[in-house]
Amino acid sequence: MNIIIVGTGEIGTHIALSLAAESHAIVVIESDEVVAKLLDSRIDARVLVGDGTSITTLIEAGVGDCDLFLTLTSDNNINIVSASIAKRLGAKKTICRVHPGIQRESLFLDYGEHFGIDYLFSPERLAAVELGKHVRNPTSSMVEEIARGFVEIQQITLASGSRLCGLSLKEIDFPPRVRVGAINRGSQLIVPKADDVLSGGDLLTLFGEPTRLHDFLPKLQQSSEKEEELNIVIFGGGEYGFSLAQSLESVKCRVRIFEENKARCEELSDQLTNVTILNADATSIAEMKEEQIGQADFFIAVTNVDEDNVMTCLQAHSLGTKYCLPLIHRADYADAMTSYGEKMGILAAVSPREATRKDLARFITSDRFHLLHKLEGVELIESTVNANSSIIGKMVREVEWPPDCVLVALVNSARGQVPAADDEIKPEDSLYALVKPQAKREFLKLVAP
């Protein structure tokens, strides 16, 4: 693909280096000559020193032949203006990084539609989604957020004493847009139909809107005990902490935020009604003991300092906190911490750079589909409905989907959701499906012929 990237801060550099390693044709635009020179020595790509909002610079970069245009600076105005101009100059797909506040305001104005930008995202919101899925499902075999976080896929083993054992899928009262996508029973993989009956020990792959899916999961367990309120402590009241606290509003929990800056504490108190804000320093072991951090179910460190995040998690674990989650900006460090952190009491580490790369990966493919996840005997793939597709304008129930294929999510320009029978399929919609290998070709013939 021909890809142009504007801005090479932490996020931009990580994305640029990742894409260059995949042999894409990359052009990078960076306004700081020193930063541009340093990147030029590290990357197999063309690096231009210039203004990403300048038409002259964009034309020099080859915007008219650009398959994917990414604006990744830390400045909202530069990113929005640059992406909007690039779209008008012929870029096929434009992706724009914004402050999470812009995404929150999208309830009042669709910035993407207004400025002609295909997709807007914030690393803070993406990192919060990653952290939140570990909070909701710390013991699940697999948890994956797709469709911009609107849909969650989760694997869980059906307890032998569950009241759902012996029931067919059509007899189970699933919440709206929550479904079973696959059943692993021993060595057998079942892509389920309405008459299939559940058995104890089945490994179920479920998908649905995260809150509804989370509320449904207790029915799969042997115990019917009432769900207890989670005790969650967040260290850091910046945008990462704020976005995380907002994302946990749908979880039954009590949230406290440790923030050193008194003025920021006041801002958070005004904006978060059901969260306790503490003007305190979680790097102080005395203050952690005073606030009884050891009794917390989760300690989540999301400051801008990786060392503080890791060390406070280790301290929290030593005090008795059940699960610890640090935010680590360097993706390679986050991978190492996730792999070996269990020995130190760390459930997982999340990198905003890697969360961004994973989110944008679905746009970066020359193939008709993007492989999101390989499960036992089935693949989770994503494909975009192209202009030649025969399913455009049809409702989901009107399409003759191939056997061994389950439609998991549908994403349009506004939002993503688990598709219902009456949802209409439109050009450029992204469809996510669980498919057996033999069903993949037939699925792609329908979606992207």
Protein backbone atom coordinates (compact mmCIF):
# COMPACT_ATOMS: atom_id res chain seq x y z
CA MET A 1 0.00 0.00 0.00
CA ASN A 2 1.00 3.63 -0.54
CA ILE A 3 0.83 5.17 2.94
CA ILE A 4 1.50 8.73 4.12
CA ILE A 5 2.05 9.46 7.81
CA VAL A 6 1.99 12.97 9.26
CA GLY A 7 3.72 13.33 12.64
CA THR A 8 6.38 11.11 14.22
CA GLY A 9 5.93 11.37 17.94
CA GLU A 10 5.65 8.20 20.03
CA ILE A 11 2.61 6.87 18.17
CA GLY A 12 3.66 8.00 14.69
CA THR A 13 7.16 6.57 14.97
CA HIS A 14 5.88 3.21 16.23
CA ILE A 15 3.34 2.96 13.38
CA ALA A 16 5.85 4.12 10.74
CA LEU A 17 8.51 1.62 11.79
CA SER A 18 5.95 -1.22 11.95
CA LEU A 19 4.60 -0.48 8.47
CA ALA A 20 8.03 -0.01 6.91
CA ALA A 21 8.99 -3.46 8.21
CA GLU A 22 5.98 -4.88 6.31
CA SER A 23 7.33 -3.54 2.98
CA HIS A 24 4.67 -0.89 2.40
CA ALA A 25 5.60 2.23 0.44
CA ILE A 26 5.82 4.83 3.23
CA VAL A 27 6.17 8.61 3.09
CA VAL A 28 6.55 10.40 6.42
CA ILE A 29 5.94 14.14 6.91
CA GLU A 30 7.54 15.70 9.99
CA SER A 31 7.76 19.43 10.76
CA ASP A 32 10.75 19.16 13.13
CA GLU A 33 13.95 18.87 11.09
CA VAL A 34 15.93 17.23 13.93
CA VAL A 35 13.23 14.59 14.54
CA ALA A 36 12.91 13.96 10.80
CA LYS A 37 16.67 13.46 10.42
CA LEU A 38 16.74 10.99 13.31
CA LEU A 39 13.85 8.98 11.86
CA ASP A 40 15.41 9.02 8.39
CA SER A 41 18.41 7.14 9.81
CA ARG A 42 16.16 4.42 11.28
CA ILE A 43 13.52 3.76 8.63
CA ASP A 44 13.36 2.48 5.07
CA ALA A 45 10.97 5.19 3.92
CA ARG A 46 10.89 8.64 2.39
CA VAL A 47 10.97 11.35 5.07
CA LEU A 48 9.89 14.90 4.22
CA VAL A 49 10.45 17.95 6.41
CA GLY A 50 7.32 20.05 6.09
CA ASP A 51 3.89 21.12 7.23
CA GLY A 52 1.28 18.35 7.09
CA THR A 53 -1.47 20.92 6.47
CA SER A 54 0.32 22.39 3.41
CA ILE A 55 -1.17 21.46 0.05
CA THR A 56 2.26 21.79 -1.55
CA THR A 57 3.79 19.37 0.94
CA LEU A 58 0.95 16.87 0.57
CA ILE A 59 1.20 16.92 -3.23
CA GLU A 60 4.98 16.43 -2.98
CA ALA A 61 4.32 13.41 -0.76
CA GLY A 62 2.05 11.91 -3.44
CA VAL A 63 -1.31 12.32 -1.74
CA GLY A 64 -3.21 11.74 -4.99
CA ASP A 65 -1.91 8.16 -5.17
CA CYS A 66 -2.23 7.51 -1.43
CA ASP A 67 -4.14 4.42 -0.31
CA LEU A 68 -4.01 5.32 3.39
CA PHE A 69 -3.34 8.72 4.97
CA LEU A 70 -2.58 8.84 8.71
CA THR A 71 -2.34 12.06 10.74
CA LEU A 72 -0.74 11.16 14.06
CA THR A 73 0.57 14.37 15.63
CA SER A 74 -0.53 15.38 19.14
CA ASP A 75 -2.34 18.47 17.78
CA ASN A 76 -6.07 18.10 17.01
CA ASN A 77 -6.18 21.03 14.61
CA ILE A 78 -3.22 19.88 12.53
CA ASN A 79 -4.56 16.35 12.30
CA ILE A 80 -8.12 17.30 11.35
CA VAL A 81 -7.09 19.92 8.79
CA SER A 82 -4.42 17.68 7.27
CA ALA A 83 -6.72 14.66 6.95
CA SER A 84 -9.56 16.76 5.53
CA ILE A 85 -7.32 18.35 2.88
CA ALA A 86 -5.78 14.98 2.01
CA LYS A 87 -9.23 13.52 1.38
CA ARG A 88 -10.12 16.35 -0.98
CA LEU A 89 -6.80 15.88 -2.79
CA GLY A 90 -7.53 12.23 -3.54
CA ALA A 91 -6.37 10.10 -0.59
CA LYS A 92 -8.51 6.94 -0.61
CA LYS A 93 -8.75 6.47 3.17
CA THR A 94 -7.96 9.07 5.85
CA ILE A 95 -7.33 8.24 9.51
CA CYS A 96 -7.06 10.99 12.12
CA ARG A 97 -5.76 10.94 15.69
CA VAL A 98 -7.72 13.21 18.02
CA HIS A 99 -7.88 14.08 21.69
CA PRO A 100 -10.44 11.87 23.52
CA GLY A 101 -12.46 14.99 24.23
CA ILE A 102 -13.19 15.25 20.50
CA GLN A 103 -14.56 11.71 20.52
CA ARG A 104 -16.74 12.53 23.51
CA GLU A 105 -18.15 15.51 21.59
CA SER A 106 -19.07 13.26 18.66
CA LEU A 107 -22.45 12.80 20.36
CA PHE A 108 -23.23 16.35 19.25
CA LEU A 109 -21.31 16.48 15.96
CA ASP A 110 -19.89 13.73 13.74
CA TYR A 111 -16.45 15.23 13.09
CA GLY A 112 -15.61 12.55 10.54
CA GLU A 113 -18.65 13.29 8.42
CA HIS A 114 -18.28 17.05 8.87
CA PHE A 115 -14.63 17.15 7.74
CA GLY A 116 -14.76 14.24 5.29
CA ILE A 117 -12.47 12.00 7.38
CA ASP A 118 -12.96 8.23 7.30
CA TYR A 119 -11.95 7.36 10.87
CA LEU A 120 -11.06 9.26 14.04
CA PHE A 121 -9.45 7.65 17.09
CA SER A 122 -7.59 8.48 20.28
CA PRO A 123 -4.81 6.30 21.77
CA GLU A 124 -6.16 7.13 25.24
CA ARG A 125 -9.57 5.65 24.45
CA LEU A 126 -8.04 2.60 22.75
CA ALA A 127 -5.79 1.94 25.75
CA ALA A 128 -8.79 2.34 28.08
CA VAL A 129 -10.70 -0.27 26.05
CA GLU A 130 -7.77 -2.70 26.37
CA LEU A 131 -7.50 -2.15 30.12
CA GLY A 132 -11.25 -2.38 30.57
CA LYS A 133 -11.54 -5.78 28.94
CA HIS A 134 -9.08 -7.20 31.49
CA VAL A 135 -11.14 -5.70 34.31
CA ARG A 136 -14.37 -7.22 33.04
CA ASN A 137 -12.87 -10.62 32.28
CA PRO A 138 -9.68 -11.36 34.25
CA THR A 139 -10.08 -15.15 34.06
CA SER A 140 -11.45 -15.66 30.53
CA SER A 141 -9.55 -17.84 28.05
CA MET A 142 -9.65 -15.08 25.43
CA VAL A 143 -11.10 -11.59 25.27
CA GLU A 144 -10.94 -9.48 22.12
CA GLU A 145 -12.47 -6.08 21.40
CA ILE A 146 -13.48 -5.53 17.78
CA ALA A 147 -15.61 -3.11 15.78
CA ARG A 148 -13.96 -0.08 17.44
CA GLY A 149 -14.74 -1.49 20.88
CA PHE A 150 -18.48 -1.79 20.27
CA VAL A 151 -18.34 -5.61 20.17
CA GLU A 152 -16.48 -8.03 22.42
CA ILE A 153 -15.57 -11.65 21.69
CA GLN A 154 -14.89 -13.91 24.62
CA GLN A 155 -14.17 -17.58 25.21
CA ILE A 156 -15.41 -19.22 28.38
CA THR A 157 -15.98 -22.81 29.51
CA LEU A 158 -19.57 -23.74 30.36
CA ALA A 159 -19.67 -25.02 33.95
CA SER A 160 -21.07 -28.53 34.29
CA GLY A 161 -23.58 -27.26 36.84
CA SER A 162 -24.80 -24.34 34.72
CA ARG A 163 -28.55 -24.13 34.27
CA LEU A 164 -27.92 -23.72 30.51
CA CYS A 165 -26.63 -27.29 30.17
CA GLY A 166 -29.03 -29.41 28.14
CA LEU A 167 -30.74 -26.41 26.54
CA SER A 168 -30.70 -25.69 22.83
CA LEU A 169 -29.60 -22.23 21.75
CA LYS A 170 -33.15 -21.33 20.70
CA GLU A 171 -34.36 -22.08 24.24
CA ILE A 172 -31.88 -19.70 25.88
CA ASP A 173 -32.93 -16.12 26.54
CA PHE A 174 -29.87 -14.33 25.19
CA PRO A 175 -29.68 -10.53 25.61
CA PRO A 176 -30.21 -8.54 22.40
CA ARG A 177 -27.24 -8.88 20.02
CA VAL A 178 -25.42 -11.46 22.18
CA ARG A 179 -24.75 -14.82 20.51
CA VAL A 180 -22.66 -17.97 20.49
CA GLY A 181 -20.29 -18.02 17.52
CA ALA A 182 -18.56 -21.38 18.04
CA ILE A 183 -18.62 -24.39 20.36
CA ASN A 184 -15.49 -26.45 20.99
CA ARG A 185 -16.47 -29.84 22.40
CA GLY A 186 -13.36 -31.96 22.88
CA SER A 187 -11.75 -32.22 19.43
CA GLN A 188 -15.00 -31.23 17.70
CA LEU A 189 -15.69 -27.65 16.50
CA ILE A 190 -19.34 -26.72 16.02
CA VAL A 191 -20.48 -23.59 14.22
CA PRO A 192 -23.83 -23.56 16.01
CA LYS A 193 -27.38 -23.50 14.75
CA ALA A 194 -30.52 -22.80 16.74
CA ASP A 195 -31.13 -26.49 17.55
CA ASP A 196 -27.64 -27.20 18.92
CA VAL A 197 -27.67 -28.19 22.62
CA LEU A 198 -25.06 -27.00 25.15
CA SER A 199 -23.13 -29.40 27.37
CA GLY A 200 -21.01 -28.94 30.47
CA GLY A 201 -17.35 -28.43 29.56
CA ASP A 202 -18.12 -26.80 26.19
CA LEU A 203 -15.70 -24.01 25.31
CA LEU A 204 -18.02 -21.28 24.04
CA THR A 205 -16.98 -18.39 21.84
CA LEU A 206 -19.49 -15.63 22.58
CA PHE A 207 -19.81 -12.18 21.11
CA GLY A 208 -21.92 -9.15 21.85
CA GLU A 209 -22.05 -5.59 23.14
CA PRO A 210 -19.56 -5.62 26.07
CA THR A 211 -21.97 -4.65 28.86
CA ARG A 212 -24.69 -7.08 27.82
CA LEU A 213 -22.16 -9.86 27.34
CA HIS A 214 -20.66 -9.23 30.77
CA ASP A 215 -24.11 -9.32 32.39
CA PHE A 216 -24.90 -12.63 30.69
CA LEU A 217 -21.70 -14.48 31.68
CA PRO A 218 -22.79 -15.42 35.25
CA LYS A 219 -25.44 -17.70 33.70
CA LEU A 220 -22.62 -19.85 32.33
CA GLN A 221 -21.17 -20.43 35.78
CA GLN A 222 -22.16 -23.14 38.23
CA SER A 223 -22.83 -20.68 41.02
CA SER A 224 -25.75 -18.28 40.94
CA GLU A 225 -24.30 -16.07 43.66
CA LYS A 226 -24.90 -12.37 43.38
CA GLU A 227 -22.10 -10.52 41.63
CA GLU A 228 -20.05 -8.46 44.05
CA GLU A 229 -19.00 -4.89 43.46
CA LEU A 230 -15.40 -4.58 42.26
CA ASN A 231 -12.99 -2.36 44.17
CA ILE A 232 -10.84 -0.56 41.55
CA VAL A 233 -8.01 1.92 42.11
CA ILE A 234 -6.62 3.99 39.23
CA PHE A 235 -3.25 5.70 39.65
CA GLY A 236 -3.14 8.77 37.40
CA GLY A 237 -5.91 11.23 36.63
CA GLY A 238 -4.74 12.27 33.17
CA GLU A 239 -6.60 11.43 29.99
CA TYR A 240 -5.79 7.73 30.30
CA GLY A 241 -7.24 7.59 33.81
CA PHE A 242 -10.23 9.71 32.88
CA SER A 243 -11.03 7.60 29.77
CA LEU A 244 -10.65 4.39 31.78
CA ALA A 245 -12.96 5.61 34.55
CA GLN A 246 -15.58 6.51 31.94
CA SER A 247 -15.27 3.11 30.25
CA LEU A 248 -15.90 1.37 33.59
CA GLU A 249 -19.24 3.10 34.15
CA SER A 250 -21.04 0.01 32.82
CA VAL A 251 -19.19 -2.29 35.26
CA LYS A 252 -20.49 -2.86 38.78
CA CYS A 253 -17.58 -1.30 40.65
CA ARG A 254 -16.32 1.33 43.05
CA VAL A 255 -13.58 3.45 41.46
CA ARG A 256 -10.98 5.62 43.17
CA ILE A 257 -8.46 7.77 41.30
CA PHE A 258 -5.12 8.80 42.83
CA GLU A 259 -3.97 12.12 41.36
CA GLU A 260 -1.14 14.31 42.66
CA ASN A 261 -2.20 17.56 40.96
CA LYS A 262 -4.83 19.33 43.07
CA ALA A 263 -6.25 21.39 40.17
CA ARG A 264 -6.67 18.24 38.09
CA CYS A 265 -8.46 16.59 41.04
CA GLU A 266 -11.01 19.40 41.01
CA GLU A 267 -11.56 18.97 37.26
CA LEU A 268 -12.08 15.23 37.65
CA SER A 269 -14.52 15.75 40.53
CA ASP A 270 -16.63 18.00 38.29
CA GLN A 271 -16.68 15.52 35.40
CA LEU A 272 -16.89 12.10 37.10
CA THR A 273 -19.90 11.87 39.38
CA ASN A 274 -19.56 8.27 40.66
CA VAL A 275 -15.78 8.20 41.14
CA THR A 276 -13.85 9.08 44.31
CA ILE A 277 -10.95 11.45 43.55
CA LEU A 278 -8.01 11.40 45.97
CA ASN A 279 -5.34 14.08 45.95
CA ALA A 280 -2.60 11.57 46.81
CA ASP A 281 0.61 10.00 45.51
CA ALA A 282 0.42 6.26 44.87
CA THR A 283 4.22 6.01 44.71
CA SER A 284 4.18 6.50 48.48
CA ILE A 285 3.85 3.16 50.22
CA ALA A 286 2.52 4.94 53.31
CA GLU A 287 -0.36 6.50 51.35
CA MET A 288 -1.10 3.18 49.66
CA LYS A 289 -1.39 1.50 53.05
CA GLU A 290 -3.51 4.34 54.40
CA GLU A 291 -5.98 3.94 51.52
CA GLN A 292 -6.01 0.14 51.98
CA ILE A 293 -4.83 -0.60 48.45
CA GLY A 294 -4.25 -4.22 49.45
CA GLN A 295 -8.02 -4.74 49.64
CA ALA A 296 -8.57 -3.60 46.03
CA ASP A 297 -9.53 -6.09 43.33
CA PHE A 298 -7.65 -4.06 40.69
CA PHE A 299 -4.82 -1.55 40.83
CA ILE A 300 -4.37 0.13 37.42
CA ALA A 301 -1.43 2.51 36.93
CA VAL A 302 -1.87 4.86 33.95
CA THR A 303 0.53 7.77 34.47
CA ASN A 304 2.90 8.95 31.73
CA VAL A 305 5.89 7.43 33.55
CA ASP A 306 6.36 3.72 32.82
CA GLU A 307 8.65 3.16 35.80
CA ASP A 308 6.09 4.57 38.23
CA ASN A 309 3.37 2.43 36.68
CA VAL A 310 5.34 -0.80 37.04
CA MET A 311 6.71 -0.10 40.51
CA THR A 312 3.37 0.94 42.00
CA CYS A 313 1.80 -2.23 40.59
CA LEU A 314 4.50 -4.29 42.30
CA GLN A 315 3.88 -2.41 45.55
CA ALA A 316 0.12 -2.93 45.25
CA HIS A 317 0.61 -6.64 44.66
CA SER A 318 2.87 -6.91 47.70
CA LEU A 319 0.11 -5.29 49.77
CA GLY A 320 -2.43 -7.87 48.59
CA THR A 321 -4.17 -6.37 45.50
CA LYS A 322 -5.64 -9.20 43.45
CA TYR A 323 -4.97 -7.92 39.91
CA CYS A 324 -2.50 -5.26 38.73
CA LEU A 325 -2.47 -3.59 35.30
CA PRO A 326 0.25 -1.09 34.30
CA LEU A 327 0.18 1.17 31.25
CA ILE A 328 3.55 0.89 29.48
CA HIS A 329 4.19 3.17 26.54
CA ARG A 330 6.98 1.13 24.97
CA ALA A 331 5.26 -1.74 23.17
CA ASP A 332 8.21 -4.18 23.49
CA TYR A 333 8.38 -3.60 27.25
CA ALA A 334 4.62 -4.13 27.53
CA ASP A 335 4.89 -7.47 25.69
CA ALA A 336 7.67 -8.63 28.02
CA MET A 337 5.72 -7.55 31.09
CA THR A 338 2.60 -9.39 29.90
CA SER A 339 4.63 -12.55 29.23
CA TYR A 340 6.54 -12.62 32.52
CA GLY A 341 4.57 -10.28 34.76
CA GLU A 342 2.35 -13.00 36.23
CA LYS A 343 5.24 -14.05 38.45
CA MET A 344 5.24 -10.48 39.82
CA GLY A 345 1.48 -10.26 40.24
CA ILE A 346 0.80 -8.33 37.01
CA LEU A 347 -2.22 -9.58 35.04
CA ALA A 348 -1.27 -7.78 31.80
CA ALA A 349 0.47 -4.66 30.55
CA VAL A 350 -1.10 -2.37 27.94
CA SER A 351 0.75 -0.15 25.48
CA PRO A 352 -1.11 2.77 23.83
CA ARG A 353 1.22 2.45 20.82
CA GLU A 354 0.40 -1.23 20.37
CA ALA A 355 -3.32 -0.66 21.01
CA THR A 356 -3.23 1.93 18.21
CA ARG A 357 -1.32 -0.37 15.85
CA LYS A 358 -3.82 -3.18 16.43
CA ASP A 359 -6.77 -0.86 15.84
CA LEU A 360 -5.35 0.53 12.60
CA ALA A 361 -4.20 -2.86 11.29
CA ARG A 362 -7.60 -3.51 9.71
CA PHE A 363 -7.06 -0.57 7.34
CA ILE A 364 -3.59 -1.73 6.35
CA THR A 365 -4.06 -4.60 3.98
CA SER A 366 -3.95 -5.16 0.24
CA ASP A 367 -5.97 -8.37 0.62
CA ARG A 368 -9.74 -8.75 0.51
CA PHE A 369 -9.80 -9.55 4.21
CA HIS A 370 -7.87 -9.02 7.41
CA LEU A 371 -7.19 -11.93 9.77
CA LEU A 372 -7.89 -10.70 13.30
CA HIS A 373 -7.57 -13.90 15.33
CA LYS A 374 -7.01 -17.62 14.83
CA LEU A 375 -9.01 -19.83 17.15
CA GLU A 376 -9.07 -23.61 17.25
CA GLY A 377 -10.61 -24.65 13.92
CA VAL A 378 -12.03 -21.22 13.07
CA GLU A 379 -10.79 -17.77 12.07
CA LEU A 380 -12.04 -14.31 12.95
CA ILE A 381 -11.76 -12.19 9.80
CA GLU A 382 -12.81 -8.70 8.71
CA SER A 383 -13.63 -7.58 5.19
CA THR A 384 -15.04 -4.40 3.65
CA VAL A 385 -18.13 -4.52 1.44
CA ASN A 386 -16.91 -3.30 -1.94
CA ALA A 387 -18.86 -1.63 -4.72
CA ASN A 388 -19.25 -4.89 -6.70
CA SER A 389 -20.85 -6.83 -3.86
CA SER A 390 -24.26 -8.35 -4.52
CA ILE A 391 -25.29 -7.98 -0.85
CA ILE A 392 -25.38 -4.16 -0.91
CA GLY A 393 -28.85 -2.89 0.01
CA LYS A 394 -29.94 -6.25 1.41
CA MET A 395 -30.90 -6.98 5.00
CA VAL A 396 -28.74 -9.49 6.85
CA ARG A 397 -31.57 -12.08 6.86
CA GLU A 398 -31.91 -11.78 3.05
CA VAL A 399 -28.34 -12.90 2.39
CA GLU A 400 -27.62 -16.60 1.92
CA TRP A 401 -24.53 -16.80 4.09
CA PRO A 402 -22.32 -19.87 3.60
CA PRO A 403 -22.48 -22.76 6.09
CA ASP A 404 -19.86 -22.70 8.85
CA CYS A 405 -19.89 -18.91 8.90
CA VAL A 406 -21.24 -16.65 11.67
CA LEU A 407 -21.56 -12.89 11.20
CA VAL A 408 -20.11 -11.29 14.34
CA ALA A 409 -20.11 -7.53 13.79
CA LEU A 410 -21.08 -4.84 11.31
CA VAL A 411 -19.32 -1.47 11.32
CA ASN A 412 -20.40 1.57 9.35
CA SER A 413 -19.10 5.13 9.46
CA ALA A 414 -20.90 5.88 12.72
CA ARG A 415 -20.62 2.82 14.95
CA GLY A 416 -20.27 -0.92 15.20
CA GLN A 417 -22.70 -3.54 16.50
CA VAL A 418 -23.62 -7.20 16.40
CA PRO A 419 -25.81 -7.42 13.28
CA ALA A 420 -29.51 -8.06 13.62
CA ALA A 421 -31.67 -9.69 10.96
CA ASP A 422 -33.11 -6.38 9.74
CA ASP A 423 -29.82 -4.46 9.52
CA GLU A 424 -29.13 -3.22 6.00
CA ILE A 425 -25.71 -3.76 4.43
CA LYS A 426 -24.18 -0.70 2.77
CA PRO A 427 -21.06 -0.03 0.67
CA GLU A 428 -17.86 0.34 2.72
CA ASP A 429 -19.41 -1.41 5.74
CA SER A 430 -16.91 -3.62 7.56
CA LEU A 431 -18.15 -7.13 8.27
CA TYR A 432 -16.55 -9.36 10.89
CA ALA A 433 -17.17 -13.11 10.76
CA LEU A 434 -16.12 -16.34 12.43
CA VAL A 435 -15.48 -18.78 9.59
CA LYS A 436 -14.13 -22.26 9.13
CA PRO A 437 -11.33 -22.29 6.52
CA GLN A 438 -13.57 -23.94 3.90
CA ALA A 439 -16.20 -21.19 4.29
CA LYS A 440 -13.86 -18.23 3.93
CA ARG A 441 -13.79 -18.16 0.13
CA GLU A 442 -17.58 -18.21 -0.17
CA PHE A 443 -17.90 -15.45 2.44
CA LEU A 444 -15.43 -13.23 0.56
CA LYS A 445 -17.23 -13.86 -2.75
CA LEU A 446 -20.29 -12.24 -1.18
CA VAL A 447 -18.54 -9.34 0.56
CA ALA A 448 -15.55 -8.44 -1.61
CA PRO A 449 -15.82 -10.18 -5.01
